[in-house]
Amino acid sequence: MTNDNEDNSKFITMTEYSWLPKEYVYILEKENKILRNIISKCATSLGNGGIVSPDCSVEFLEFVPKEIEMCVFNLRNEIKQLKERVPPL
């Protein structure tokens, strides 16, 4: 997991796994693809019109959690405003 202050040059590329047996590299590549699809679906599920391709850069994918955070924040504010408008029962 990366920290916002962490240098992106620390990401490991698949070529750096050349010492691993090919089966492990295949598993890592498959997991990478699955995780990228999950992140893409999370971004699309926000319903704010944003589209994130599973093939985009890791640097771009890093913005997805912030986008989710902003969406949740906005929804909470909207709920708060609606509650303030509705008279108590």
PDB file of N, CA and C in Angstrom:
ATOM      1  N   MET A   1       0.852  -1.176   0.000  1.00  0.00           N
ATOM      2  CA  MET A   1       0.000   0.000   0.000  1.00  0.00           C
ATOM      3  C   MET A   1       0.890   1.230   0.000  1.00  0.00           C
ATOM      4  N   THR A   2       0.522   2.179  -0.830  1.00  0.00           N
ATOM      5  CA  THR A   2       1.355   3.363  -0.934  1.00  0.00           C
ATOM      6  C   THR A   2       0.829   4.466  -0.039  1.00  0.00           C
ATOM      7  N   ASN A   3       1.729   5.270   0.398  1.00  0.00           N
ATOM      8  CA  ASN A   3       1.413   6.446   1.190  1.00  0.00           C
ATOM      9  C   ASN A   3       1.417   7.631   0.234  1.00  0.00           C
ATOM     10  N   ASP A   4       0.600   8.661   0.518  1.00  0.00           N
ATOM     11  CA  ASP A   4       0.558   9.823  -0.365  1.00  0.00           C
ATOM     12  C   ASP A   4       1.932  10.469  -0.516  1.00  0.00           C
ATOM     13  N   ASN A   5       2.776  10.344   0.494  1.00  0.00           N
ATOM     14  CA  ASN A   5       4.097  10.959   0.456  1.00  0.00           C
ATOM     15  C   ASN A   5       5.147  10.043  -0.161  1.00  0.00           C
ATOM     16  N   GLU A   6       4.761   8.836  -0.492  1.00  0.00           N
ATOM     17  CA  GLU A   6       5.703   7.856  -1.002  1.00  0.00           C
ATOM     18  C   GLU A   6       6.033   8.133  -2.465  1.00  0.00           C
ATOM     19  N   ASP A   7       7.247   7.895  -2.839  1.00  0.00           N
ATOM     20  CA  ASP A   7       7.697   8.113  -4.212  1.00  0.00           C
ATOM     21  C   ASP A   7       7.161   6.992  -5.098  1.00  0.00           C
ATOM     22  N   ASN A   8       6.500   7.339  -6.220  1.00  0.00           N
ATOM     23  CA  ASN A   8       5.940   6.340  -7.122  1.00  0.00           C
ATOM     24  C   ASN A   8       7.002   5.496  -7.810  1.00  0.00           C
ATOM     25  N   SER A   9       8.255   5.903  -7.783  1.00  0.00           N
ATOM     26  CA  SER A   9       9.303   5.123  -8.431  1.00  0.00           C
ATOM     27  C   SER A   9       9.581   3.826  -7.674  1.00  0.00           C
ATOM     28  N   LYS A  10       8.965   3.635  -6.526  1.00  0.00           N
ATOM     29  CA  LYS A  10       9.170   2.413  -5.750  1.00  0.00           C
ATOM     30  C   LYS A  10       8.304   1.264  -6.236  1.00  0.00           C
ATOM     31  N   PHE A  11       7.394   1.521  -7.214  1.00  0.00           N
ATOM     32  CA  PHE A  11       6.577   0.447  -7.735  1.00  0.00           C
ATOM     33  C   PHE A  11       7.465  -0.563  -8.449  1.00  0.00           C
ATOM     34  N   ILE A  12       7.152  -1.817  -8.264  1.00  0.00           N
ATOM     35  CA  ILE A  12       7.937  -2.889  -8.874  1.00  0.00           C
ATOM     36  C   ILE A  12       7.272  -3.286 -10.187  1.00  0.00           C
ATOM     37  N   THR A  13       8.051  -3.391 -11.216  1.00  0.00           N
ATOM     38  CA  THR A  13       7.522  -3.831 -12.499  1.00  0.00           C
ATOM     39  C   THR A  13       7.616  -5.349 -12.588  1.00  0.00           C
ATOM     40  N   MET A  14       6.823  -5.911 -13.481  1.00  0.00           N
ATOM     41  CA  MET A  14       6.811  -7.372 -13.613  1.00  0.00           C
ATOM     42  C   MET A  14       8.167  -7.917 -14.043  1.00  0.00           C
ATOM     43  N   THR A  15       8.961  -7.131 -14.764  1.00  0.00           N
ATOM     44  CA  THR A  15      10.271  -7.627 -15.184  1.00  0.00           C
ATOM     45  C   THR A  15      11.195  -7.843 -13.991  1.00  0.00           C
ATOM     46  N   GLU A  16      10.914  -7.151 -12.884  1.00  0.00           N
ATOM     47  CA  GLU A  16      11.734  -7.336 -11.688  1.00  0.00           C
ATOM     48  C   GLU A  16      11.426  -8.652 -10.986  1.00  0.00           C
ATOM     49  N   TYR A  17      10.390  -9.344 -11.447  1.00  0.00           N
ATOM     50  CA  TYR A  17      10.057 -10.657 -10.894  1.00  0.00           C
ATOM     51  C   TYR A  17      10.636 -11.784 -11.735  1.00  0.00           C
ATOM     52  N   SER A  18      11.602 -11.488 -12.593  1.00  0.00           N
ATOM     53  CA  SER A  18      12.130 -12.492 -13.506  1.00  0.00           C
ATOM     54  C   SER A  18      12.778 -13.678 -12.788  1.00  0.00           C
ATOM     55  N   TRP A  19      13.162 -13.494 -11.552  1.00  0.00           N
ATOM     56  CA  TRP A  19      13.765 -14.582 -10.787  1.00  0.00           C
ATOM     57  C   TRP A  19      12.724 -15.567 -10.274  1.00  0.00           C
ATOM     58  N   LEU A  20      11.443 -15.188 -10.318  1.00  0.00           N
ATOM     59  CA  LEU A  20      10.372 -16.072  -9.856  1.00  0.00           C
ATOM     60  C   LEU A  20      10.017 -17.095 -10.928  1.00  0.00           C
ATOM     61  N   PRO A  21       9.546 -18.256 -10.496  1.00  0.00           N
ATOM     62  CA  PRO A  21       9.038 -19.214 -11.489  1.00  0.00           C
ATOM     63  C   PRO A  21       7.884 -18.598 -12.278  1.00  0.00           C
ATOM     64  N   LYS A  22       7.755 -18.978 -13.528  1.00  0.00           N
ATOM     65  CA  LYS A  22       6.741 -18.399 -14.418  1.00  0.00           C
ATOM     66  C   LYS A  22       5.323 -18.561 -13.867  1.00  0.00           C
ATOM     67  N   GLU A  23       5.073 -19.645 -13.133  1.00  0.00           N
ATOM     68  CA  GLU A  23       3.737 -19.861 -12.571  1.00  0.00           C
ATOM     69  C   GLU A  23       3.374 -18.742 -11.596  1.00  0.00           C
ATOM     70  N   TYR A  24       4.347 -18.304 -10.793  1.00  0.00           N
ATOM     71  CA  TYR A  24       4.091 -17.233  -9.829  1.00  0.00           C
ATOM     72  C   TYR A  24       3.868 -15.893 -10.539  1.00  0.00           C
ATOM     73  N   VAL A  25       4.646 -15.659 -11.565  1.00  0.00           N
ATOM     74  CA  VAL A  25       4.478 -14.425 -12.332  1.00  0.00           C
ATOM     75  C   VAL A  25       3.090 -14.417 -12.965  1.00  0.00           C
ATOM     76  N   TYR A  26       2.667 -15.556 -13.493  1.00  0.00           N
ATOM     77  CA  TYR A  26       1.330 -15.662 -14.082  1.00  0.00           C
ATOM     78  C   TYR A  26       0.264 -15.347 -13.032  1.00  0.00           C
ATOM     79  N   ILE A  27       0.411 -15.886 -11.832  1.00  0.00           N
ATOM     80  CA  ILE A  27      -0.549 -15.636 -10.748  1.00  0.00           C
ATOM     81  C   ILE A  27      -0.566 -14.153 -10.396  1.00  0.00           C
ATOM     82  N   LEU A  28       0.604 -13.538 -10.292  1.00  0.00           N
ATOM     83  CA  LEU A  28       0.678 -12.104  -9.972  1.00  0.00           C
ATOM     84  C   LEU A  28       0.025 -11.262 -11.063  1.00  0.00           C
ATOM     85  N   GLU A  29       0.275 -11.614 -12.317  1.00  0.00           N
ATOM     86  CA  GLU A  29      -0.336 -10.871 -13.419  1.00  0.00           C
ATOM     87  C   GLU A  29      -1.854 -11.017 -13.409  1.00  0.00           C
ATOM     88  N   LYS A  30      -2.326 -12.234 -13.110  1.00  0.00           N
ATOM     89  CA  LYS A  30      -3.763 -12.481 -13.051  1.00  0.00           C
ATOM     90  C   LYS A  30      -4.396 -11.692 -11.901  1.00  0.00           C
ATOM     91  N   GLU A  31      -3.768 -11.711 -10.731  1.00  0.00           N
ATOM     92  CA  GLU A  31      -4.270 -10.940  -9.596  1.00  0.00           C
ATOM     93  C   GLU A  31      -4.264  -9.446  -9.900  1.00  0.00           C
ATOM     94  N   ASN A  32      -3.223  -8.983 -10.552  1.00  0.00           N
ATOM     95  CA  ASN A  32      -3.125  -7.576 -10.937  1.00  0.00           C
ATOM     96  C   ASN A  32      -4.309  -7.194 -11.822  1.00  0.00           C
ATOM     97  N   LYS A  33      -4.614  -8.029 -12.790  1.00  0.00           N
ATOM     98  CA  LYS A  33      -5.730  -7.769 -13.703  1.00  0.00           C
ATOM     99  C   LYS A  33      -7.052  -7.753 -12.944  1.00  0.00           C
ATOM    100  N   ILE A  34      -7.249  -8.702 -12.036  1.00  0.00           N
ATOM    101  CA  ILE A  34      -8.483  -8.759 -11.244  1.00  0.00           C
ATOM    102  C   ILE A  34      -8.622  -7.510 -10.377  1.00  0.00           C
ATOM    103  N   LEU A  35      -7.549  -7.105  -9.706  1.00  0.00           N
ATOM    104  CA  LEU A  35      -7.593  -5.920  -8.846  1.00  0.00           C
ATOM    105  C   LEU A  35      -7.851  -4.649  -9.648  1.00  0.00           C
ATOM    106  N   ARG A  36      -7.246  -4.548 -10.822  1.00  0.00           N
ATOM    107  CA  ARG A  36      -7.491  -3.383 -11.680  1.00  0.00           C
ATOM    108  C   ARG A  36      -8.960  -3.316 -12.095  1.00  0.00           C
ATOM    109  N   ASN A  37      -9.561  -4.467 -12.392  1.00  0.00           N
ATOM    110  CA  ASN A  37     -10.980  -4.500 -12.754  1.00  0.00           C
ATOM    111  C   ASN A  37     -11.857  -4.101 -11.571  1.00  0.00           C
ATOM    112  N   ILE A  38     -11.499  -4.544 -10.368  1.00  0.00           N
ATOM    113  CA  ILE A  38     -12.249  -4.179  -9.166  1.00  0.00           C
ATOM    114  C   ILE A  38     -12.204  -2.671  -8.958  1.00  0.00           C
ATOM    115  N   ILE A  39     -11.026  -2.085  -9.069  1.00  0.00           N
ATOM    116  CA  ILE A  39     -10.878  -0.638  -8.889  1.00  0.00           C
ATOM    117  C   ILE A  39     -11.694   0.106  -9.941  1.00  0.00           C
ATOM    118  N   SER A  40     -11.651  -0.366 -11.168  1.00  0.00           N
ATOM    119  CA  SER A  40     -12.418   0.261 -12.248  1.00  0.00           C
ATOM    120  C   SER A  40     -13.913   0.207 -11.953  1.00  0.00           C
ATOM    121  N   LYS A  41     -14.396  -0.938 -11.495  1.00  0.00           N
ATOM    122  CA  LYS A  41     -15.818  -1.091 -11.184  1.00  0.00           C
ATOM    123  C   LYS A  41     -16.219  -0.207 -10.003  1.00  0.00           C
ATOM    124  N   CYS A  42     -15.339  -0.064  -9.014  1.00  0.00           N
ATOM    125  CA  CYS A  42     -15.626   0.822  -7.874  1.00  0.00           C
ATOM    126  C   CYS A  42     -15.836   2.248  -8.360  1.00  0.00           C
ATOM    127  N   ALA A  43     -14.970   2.706  -9.229  1.00  0.00           N
ATOM    128  CA  ALA A  43     -15.069   4.078  -9.737  1.00  0.00           C
ATOM    129  C   ALA A  43     -16.343   4.256 -10.556  1.00  0.00           C
ATOM    130  N   THR A  44     -16.658   3.302 -11.403  1.00  0.00           N
ATOM    131  CA  THR A  44     -17.853   3.386 -12.235  1.00  0.00           C
ATOM    132  C   THR A  44     -19.119   3.321 -11.385  1.00  0.00           C
ATOM    133  N   SER A  45     -19.081   2.546 -10.305  1.00  0.00           N
ATOM    134  CA  SER A  45     -20.250   2.378  -9.430  1.00  0.00           C
ATOM    135  C   SER A  45     -20.633   3.649  -8.690  1.00  0.00           C
ATOM    136  N   LEU A  46     -19.751   4.620  -8.646  1.00  0.00           N
ATOM    137  CA  LEU A  46     -20.080   5.876  -7.984  1.00  0.00           C
ATOM    138  C   LEU A  46     -21.234   6.582  -8.681  1.00  0.00           C
ATOM    139  N   GLY A  47     -21.381   6.325  -9.955  1.00  0.00           N
ATOM    140  CA  GLY A  47     -22.493   6.902 -10.697  1.00  0.00           C
ATOM    141  C   GLY A  47     -22.378   8.387 -10.964  1.00  0.00           C
ATOM    142  N   ASN A  48     -21.170   8.903 -10.906  1.00  0.00           N
ATOM    143  CA  ASN A  48     -20.990  10.336 -11.152  1.00  0.00           C
ATOM    144  C   ASN A  48     -20.493  10.611 -12.575  1.00  0.00           C
ATOM    145  N   GLY A  49     -20.568   9.610 -13.419  1.00  0.00           N
ATOM    146  CA  GLY A  49     -20.175   9.785 -14.817  1.00  0.00           C
ATOM    147  C   GLY A  49     -18.711   9.506 -15.092  1.00  0.00           C
ATOM    148  N   GLY A  50     -17.944   9.249 -14.050  1.00  0.00           N
ATOM    149  CA  GLY A  50     -16.526   8.963 -14.237  1.00  0.00           C
ATOM    150  C   GLY A  50     -16.306   7.569 -14.793  1.00  0.00           C
ATOM    151  N   ILE A  51     -15.322   7.465 -15.643  1.00  0.00           N
ATOM    152  CA  ILE A  51     -14.962   6.164 -16.213  1.00  0.00           C
ATOM    153  C   ILE A  51     -13.473   5.954 -15.980  1.00  0.00           C
ATOM    154  N   VAL A  52     -13.139   4.821 -15.391  1.00  0.00           N
ATOM    155  CA  VAL A  52     -11.741   4.475 -15.144  1.00  0.00           C
ATOM    156  C   VAL A  52     -11.473   3.140 -15.808  1.00  0.00           C
ATOM    157  N   SER A  53     -10.577   3.148 -16.748  1.00  0.00           N
ATOM    158  CA  SER A  53     -10.217   1.914 -17.444  1.00  0.00           C
ATOM    159  C   SER A  53      -9.291   1.072 -16.575  1.00  0.00           C
ATOM    160  N   PRO A  54      -9.468  -0.248 -16.598  1.00  0.00           N
ATOM    161  CA  PRO A  54      -8.541  -1.113 -15.865  1.00  0.00           C
ATOM    162  C   PRO A  54      -7.112  -1.013 -16.400  1.00  0.00           C
ATOM    163  N   ASP A  55      -6.967  -0.479 -17.608  1.00  0.00           N
ATOM    164  CA  ASP A  55      -5.648  -0.393 -18.235  1.00  0.00           C
ATOM    165  C   ASP A  55      -4.932   0.928 -17.979  1.00  0.00           C
ATOM    166  N   CYS A  56      -5.552   1.834 -17.209  1.00  0.00           N
ATOM    167  CA  CYS A  56      -4.892   3.122 -16.979  1.00  0.00           C
ATOM    168  C   CYS A  56      -3.712   2.959 -16.020  1.00  0.00           C
ATOM    169  N   SER A  57      -2.946   4.001 -15.869  1.00  0.00           N
ATOM    170  CA  SER A  57      -1.729   3.935 -15.065  1.00  0.00           C
ATOM    171  C   SER A  57      -2.049   3.782 -13.577  1.00  0.00           C
ATOM    172  N   VAL A  58      -1.103   3.253 -12.845  1.00  0.00           N
ATOM    173  CA  VAL A  58      -1.241   3.111 -11.395  1.00  0.00           C
ATOM    174  C   VAL A  58      -1.393   4.490 -10.762  1.00  0.00           C
ATOM    175  N   GLU A  59      -0.687   5.457 -11.289  1.00  0.00           N
ATOM    176  CA  GLU A  59      -0.777   6.817 -10.763  1.00  0.00           C
ATOM    177  C   GLU A  59      -2.212   7.345 -10.874  1.00  0.00           C
ATOM    178  N   PHE A  60      -2.888   7.039 -11.978  1.00  0.00           N
ATOM    179  CA  PHE A  60      -4.271   7.462 -12.146  1.00  0.00           C
ATOM    180  C   PHE A  60      -5.191   6.683 -11.209  1.00  0.00           C
ATOM    181  N   LEU A  61      -4.956   5.388 -11.065  1.00  0.00           N
ATOM    182  CA  LEU A  61      -5.782   4.556 -10.181  1.00  0.00           C
ATOM    183  C   LEU A  61      -5.690   5.013  -8.730  1.00  0.00           C
ATOM    184  N   GLU A  62      -4.593   5.661  -8.373  1.00  0.00           N
ATOM    185  CA  GLU A  62      -4.432   6.159  -7.004  1.00  0.00           C
ATOM    186  C   GLU A  62      -5.475   7.220  -6.652  1.00  0.00           C
ATOM    187  N   PHE A  63      -6.080   7.845  -7.650  1.00  0.00           N
ATOM    188  CA  PHE A  63      -7.083   8.874  -7.400  1.00  0.00           C
ATOM    189  C   PHE A  63      -8.462   8.292  -7.074  1.00  0.00           C
ATOM    190  N   VAL A  64      -8.670   7.013  -7.360  1.00  0.00           N
ATOM    191  CA  VAL A  64      -9.988   6.407  -7.143  1.00  0.00           C
ATOM    192  C   VAL A  64     -10.415   6.478  -5.672  1.00  0.00           C
ATOM    193  N   PRO A  65      -9.580   6.130  -4.702  1.00  0.00           N
ATOM    194  CA  PRO A  65     -10.020   6.250  -3.298  1.00  0.00           C
ATOM    195  C   PRO A  65     -10.411   7.682  -2.923  1.00  0.00           C
ATOM    196  N   LYS A  66      -9.696   8.673  -3.431  1.00  0.00           N
ATOM    197  CA  LYS A  66     -10.049  10.072  -3.156  1.00  0.00           C
ATOM    198  C   LYS A  66     -11.396  10.416  -3.781  1.00  0.00           C
ATOM    199  N   GLU A  67     -11.650   9.918  -4.974  1.00  0.00           N
ATOM    200  CA  GLU A  67     -12.928  10.158  -5.640  1.00  0.00           C
ATOM    201  C   GLU A  67     -14.071   9.531  -4.837  1.00  0.00           C
ATOM    202  N   ILE A  68     -13.851   8.325  -4.337  1.00  0.00           N
ATOM    203  CA  ILE A  68     -14.851   7.652  -3.507  1.00  0.00           C
ATOM    204  C   ILE A  68     -15.081   8.452  -2.226  1.00  0.00           C
ATOM    205  N   GLU A  69     -14.004   8.906  -1.619  1.00  0.00           N
ATOM    206  CA  GLU A  69     -14.094   9.717  -0.402  1.00  0.00           C
ATOM    207  C   GLU A  69     -14.913  10.990  -0.650  1.00  0.00           C
ATOM    208  N   MET A  70     -14.657  11.661  -1.756  1.00  0.00           N
ATOM    209  CA  MET A  70     -15.395  12.883  -2.082  1.00  0.00           C
ATOM    210  C   MET A  70     -16.877  12.589  -2.327  1.00  0.00           C
ATOM    211  N   CYS A  71     -17.163  11.495  -3.006  1.00  0.00           N
ATOM    212  CA  CYS A  71     -18.545  11.119  -3.296  1.00  0.00           C
ATOM    213  C   CYS A  71     -19.301  10.821  -1.997  1.00  0.00           C
ATOM    214  N   VAL A  72     -18.692  10.068  -1.100  1.00  0.00           N
ATOM    215  CA  VAL A  72     -19.318   9.754   0.185  1.00  0.00           C
ATOM    216  C   VAL A  72     -19.530  11.034   0.997  1.00  0.00           C
ATOM    217  N   PHE A  73     -18.545  11.913   0.999  1.00  0.00           N
ATOM    218  CA  PHE A  73     -18.656  13.188   1.708  1.00  0.00           C
ATOM    219  C   PHE A  73     -19.846  13.992   1.188  1.00  0.00           C
ATOM    220  N   ASN A  74     -19.958  14.087  -0.133  1.00  0.00           N
ATOM    221  CA  ASN A  74     -21.063  14.833  -0.744  1.00  0.00           C
ATOM    222  C   ASN A  74     -22.419  14.203  -0.419  1.00  0.00           C
ATOM    223  N   LEU A  75     -22.484  12.880  -0.438  1.00  0.00           N
ATOM    224  CA  LEU A  75     -23.736  12.208  -0.111  1.00  0.00           C
ATOM    225  C   LEU A  75     -24.125  12.440   1.344  1.00  0.00           C
ATOM    226  N   ARG A  76     -23.148  12.408   2.243  1.00  0.00           N
ATOM    227  CA  ARG A  76     -23.441  12.672   3.653  1.00  0.00           C
ATOM    228  C   ARG A  76     -23.948  14.092   3.849  1.00  0.00           C
ATOM    229  N   ASN A  77     -23.348  15.032   3.156  1.00  0.00           N
ATOM    230  CA  ASN A  77     -23.808  16.422   3.234  1.00  0.00           C
ATOM    231  C   ASN A  77     -25.234  16.560   2.689  1.00  0.00           C
ATOM    232  N   GLU A  78     -25.514  15.874   1.609  1.00  0.00           N
ATOM    233  CA  GLU A  78     -26.846  15.919   1.016  1.00  0.00           C
ATOM    234  C   GLU A  78     -27.883  15.336   1.988  1.00  0.00           C
ATOM    235  N   ILE A  79     -27.546  14.229   2.632  1.00  0.00           N
ATOM    236  CA  ILE A  79     -28.445  13.625   3.624  1.00  0.00           C
ATOM    237  C   ILE A  79     -28.680  14.594   4.782  1.00  0.00           C
ATOM    238  N   LYS A  80     -27.618  15.227   5.241  1.00  0.00           N
ATOM    239  CA  LYS A  80     -27.735  16.189   6.343  1.00  0.00           C
ATOM    240  C   LYS A  80     -28.672  17.333   5.969  1.00  0.00           C
ATOM    241  N   GLN A  81     -28.514  17.852   4.762  1.00  0.00           N
ATOM    242  CA  GLN A  81     -29.363  18.959   4.304  1.00  0.00           C
ATOM    243  C   GLN A  81     -30.818  18.523   4.172  1.00  0.00           C
ATOM    244  N   LEU A  82     -31.040  17.321   3.685  1.00  0.00           N
ATOM    245  CA  LEU A  82     -32.408  16.819   3.552  1.00  0.00           C
ATOM    246  C   LEU A  82     -33.052  16.628   4.926  1.00  0.00           C
ATOM    247  N   LYS A  83     -32.281  16.127   5.882  1.00  0.00           N
ATOM    248  CA  LYS A  83     -32.804  15.940   7.237  1.00  0.00           C
ATOM    249  C   LYS A  83     -33.178  17.276   7.867  1.00  0.00           C
ATOM    250  N   GLU A  84     -32.422  18.314   7.580  1.00  0.00           N
ATOM    251  CA  GLU A  84     -32.695  19.641   8.136  1.00  0.00           C
ATOM    252  C   GLU A  84     -33.980  20.227   7.559  1.00  0.00           C
ATOM    253  N   ARG A  85     -34.340  19.836   6.321  1.00  0.00           N
ATOM    254  CA  ARG A  85     -35.539  20.361   5.673  1.00  0.00           C
ATOM    255  C   ARG A  85     -36.814  19.627   6.094  1.00  0.00           C
ATOM    256  N   VAL A  86     -36.660  18.401   6.527  1.00  0.00           N
ATOM    257  CA  VAL A  86     -37.829  17.587   6.886  1.00  0.00           C
ATOM    258  C   VAL A  86     -38.193  17.880   8.343  1.00  0.00           C
ATOM    259  N   PRO A  87     -39.450  18.255   8.589  1.00  0.00           N
ATOM    260  CA  PRO A  87     -39.830  18.530   9.972  1.00  0.00           C
ATOM    261  C   PRO A  87     -39.891  17.228  10.788  1.00  0.00           C
ATOM    262  N   PRO A  88     -39.549  17.293  12.061  1.00  0.00           N
ATOM    263  CA  PRO A  88     -39.586  16.078  12.891  1.00  0.00           C
ATOM    264  C   PRO A  88     -41.014  15.589  13.056  1.00  0.00           C
ATOM    265  N   LEU A  89     -41.158  14.309  13.230  1.00  0.00           N
ATOM    266  CA  LEU A  89     -42.489  13.703  13.408  1.00  0.00           C
ATOM    267  C   LEU A  89     -42.982  13.846  14.822  1.00  0.00           C
TER     268      LEU A  89
END
